């Protein structure tokens, strides 16, 4: 099915004679056919965040959140290596939602690590 979708998309790009600008984005470039990349004039890559980037993003996004002292943010950060900036943002968003719905008793290192593992891709 994915091959059909890709072929259809490639065909649409080839047939397009408008003055449109086509922009595509993916967090999984390795899963795409190289034929797709050849259709684009420019490719801009945004590397995954470094461990320090992840830590700073967690630290920034948890500002105003009174994290329990039992949470080792460095440990959480290390487990999150390989995730995108968007993944990190969603993890923090999920933790905030839990906090707002269930209160701080539901916020733990184990829960945050659960969200981190849930964002990892199986391949």
Protein backbone atom coordinates (compact mmCIF):
# COMPACT_ATOMS: atom_id res chain seq x y z
CA UNK A 1 0.00 0.00 0.00
CA UNK A 2 2.79 2.45 0.87
CA UNK A 3 4.43 1.80 -2.49
CA UNK A 4 1.16 2.71 -4.25
CA UNK A 5 0.88 5.93 -2.26
CA UNK A 6 4.48 6.82 -3.07
CA UNK A 7 4.02 6.08 -6.78
CA UNK A 8 0.84 8.15 -6.86
CA UNK A 9 2.58 11.05 -5.10
CA UNK A 10 5.56 10.90 -7.48
CA UNK A 11 3.20 10.89 -10.45
CA UNK A 12 1.33 13.92 -9.10
CA UNK A 13 4.60 15.81 -8.64
CA UNK A 14 5.68 15.00 -12.19
CA UNK A 15 2.33 16.10 -13.65
CA UNK A 16 2.19 19.34 -11.68
CA UNK A 17 2.84 22.33 -13.93
CA UNK A 18 1.61 24.98 -11.53
CA UNK A 19 3.80 27.57 -9.87
CA UNK A 20 3.23 25.85 -6.54
CA UNK A 21 5.91 25.25 -3.99
CA UNK A 22 5.90 21.73 -2.59
CA UNK A 23 7.30 21.29 0.89
CA UNK A 24 7.61 17.90 2.56
CA UNK A 25 8.84 16.89 5.99
CA UNK A 26 9.61 13.63 7.73
CA UNK A 27 11.23 12.37 10.89
CA UNK A 28 11.99 9.09 9.11
CA UNK A 29 13.97 9.89 5.95
CA UNK A 30 15.57 6.46 5.94
CA UNK A 31 12.15 4.89 5.37
CA UNK A 32 11.53 6.85 2.15
CA UNK A 33 12.41 5.79 -1.37
CA UNK A 34 15.36 7.71 -2.86
CA UNK A 35 13.19 8.43 -5.93
CA UNK A 36 11.21 10.82 -3.76
CA UNK A 37 14.29 12.80 -2.79
CA UNK A 38 15.29 13.23 -6.44
CA UNK A 39 12.05 15.15 -7.08
CA UNK A 40 13.04 17.98 -4.74
CA UNK A 41 15.50 20.72 -5.68
CA UNK A 42 16.59 21.41 -2.13
CA UNK A 43 16.74 19.22 0.94
CA UNK A 44 17.24 20.81 4.33
CA UNK A 45 18.14 18.47 7.14
CA UNK A 46 17.52 19.21 10.79
CA UNK A 47 19.58 16.86 12.94
CA UNK A 48 18.14 15.22 16.01
CA UNK A 49 18.86 17.08 19.23
CA UNK A 50 22.01 16.26 21.18
CA UNK A 51 21.79 15.03 24.75
CA UNK A 52 22.46 18.57 25.97
CA UNK A 53 19.77 19.96 23.63
CA UNK A 54 17.29 17.46 25.06
CA UNK A 55 18.21 18.35 28.64
CA UNK A 56 17.84 22.07 27.95
CA UNK A 57 14.48 21.53 26.26
CA UNK A 58 13.19 19.42 29.17
CA UNK A 59 14.50 22.03 31.60
CA UNK A 60 12.87 24.88 29.66
CA UNK A 61 9.54 23.15 29.12
CA UNK A 62 9.30 22.02 32.74
CA UNK A 63 9.82 25.62 33.93
CA UNK A 64 7.06 26.42 36.39
CA UNK A 65 6.49 22.73 37.02
CA UNK A 66 7.53 21.67 40.49
CA UNK A 67 9.05 18.32 39.56
CA UNK A 68 9.48 15.92 42.46
CA UNK A 69 13.11 15.80 43.65
CA UNK A 70 13.14 12.05 42.96
CA UNK A 71 13.11 12.71 39.21
CA UNK A 72 16.58 12.52 37.67
CA UNK A 73 16.19 14.71 34.59
CA UNK A 74 19.66 13.69 33.34
CA UNK A 75 18.60 10.02 33.39
CA UNK A 76 15.38 10.86 31.55
CA UNK A 77 17.40 12.91 29.07
CA UNK A 78 19.81 10.05 28.41
CA UNK A 79 16.91 7.68 27.71
CA UNK A 80 15.45 10.23 25.26
CA UNK A 81 18.50 10.30 22.97
CA UNK A 82 17.37 9.65 19.40
CA UNK A 83 14.03 11.41 19.76
CA UNK A 84 13.14 14.57 17.85
CA UNK A 85 12.45 17.99 19.32
CA UNK A 86 8.75 17.37 18.60
CA UNK A 87 8.89 14.06 20.50
CA UNK A 88 10.41 15.79 23.54
CA UNK A 89 7.76 18.51 23.40
CA UNK A 90 4.98 15.88 23.27
CA UNK A 91 6.45 14.04 26.25
CA UNK A 92 6.41 17.22 28.31
CA UNK A 93 2.88 17.98 27.10
CA UNK A 94 1.73 14.52 28.21
CA UNK A 95 3.32 15.02 31.64
CA UNK A 96 1.62 18.43 31.99
CA UNK A 97 -1.74 16.88 31.06
CA UNK A 98 -1.29 14.19 33.70
CA UNK A 99 -0.40 16.85 36.24
CA UNK A 100 -3.46 18.95 35.42
CA UNK A 101 -5.84 15.99 35.47
CA UNK A 102 -4.42 13.87 38.29
CA UNK A 103 -2.20 16.22 40.27
CA UNK A 104 1.44 15.86 41.16
CA UNK A 105 0.98 12.40 42.68
CA UNK A 106 0.90 11.01 39.14
CA UNK A 107 4.16 12.69 38.06
CA UNK A 108 7.15 10.41 38.52
CA UNK A 109 10.40 9.51 36.81
CA UNK A 110 8.85 6.15 35.91
CA UNK A 111 5.88 7.86 34.25
CA UNK A 112 8.10 10.24 32.26
CA UNK A 113 10.30 7.31 31.16
CA UNK A 114 7.12 5.52 30.07
CA UNK A 115 6.31 8.47 27.81
CA UNK A 116 9.89 8.50 26.49
CA UNK A 117 9.71 4.79 25.62
CA UNK A 118 6.32 5.34 23.99
CA UNK A 119 7.87 7.85 21.58
CA UNK A 120 10.70 5.58 20.45
CA UNK A 121 10.30 3.99 17.06
CA UNK A 122 10.43 0.21 16.78
CA UNK A 123 13.09 0.20 14.04
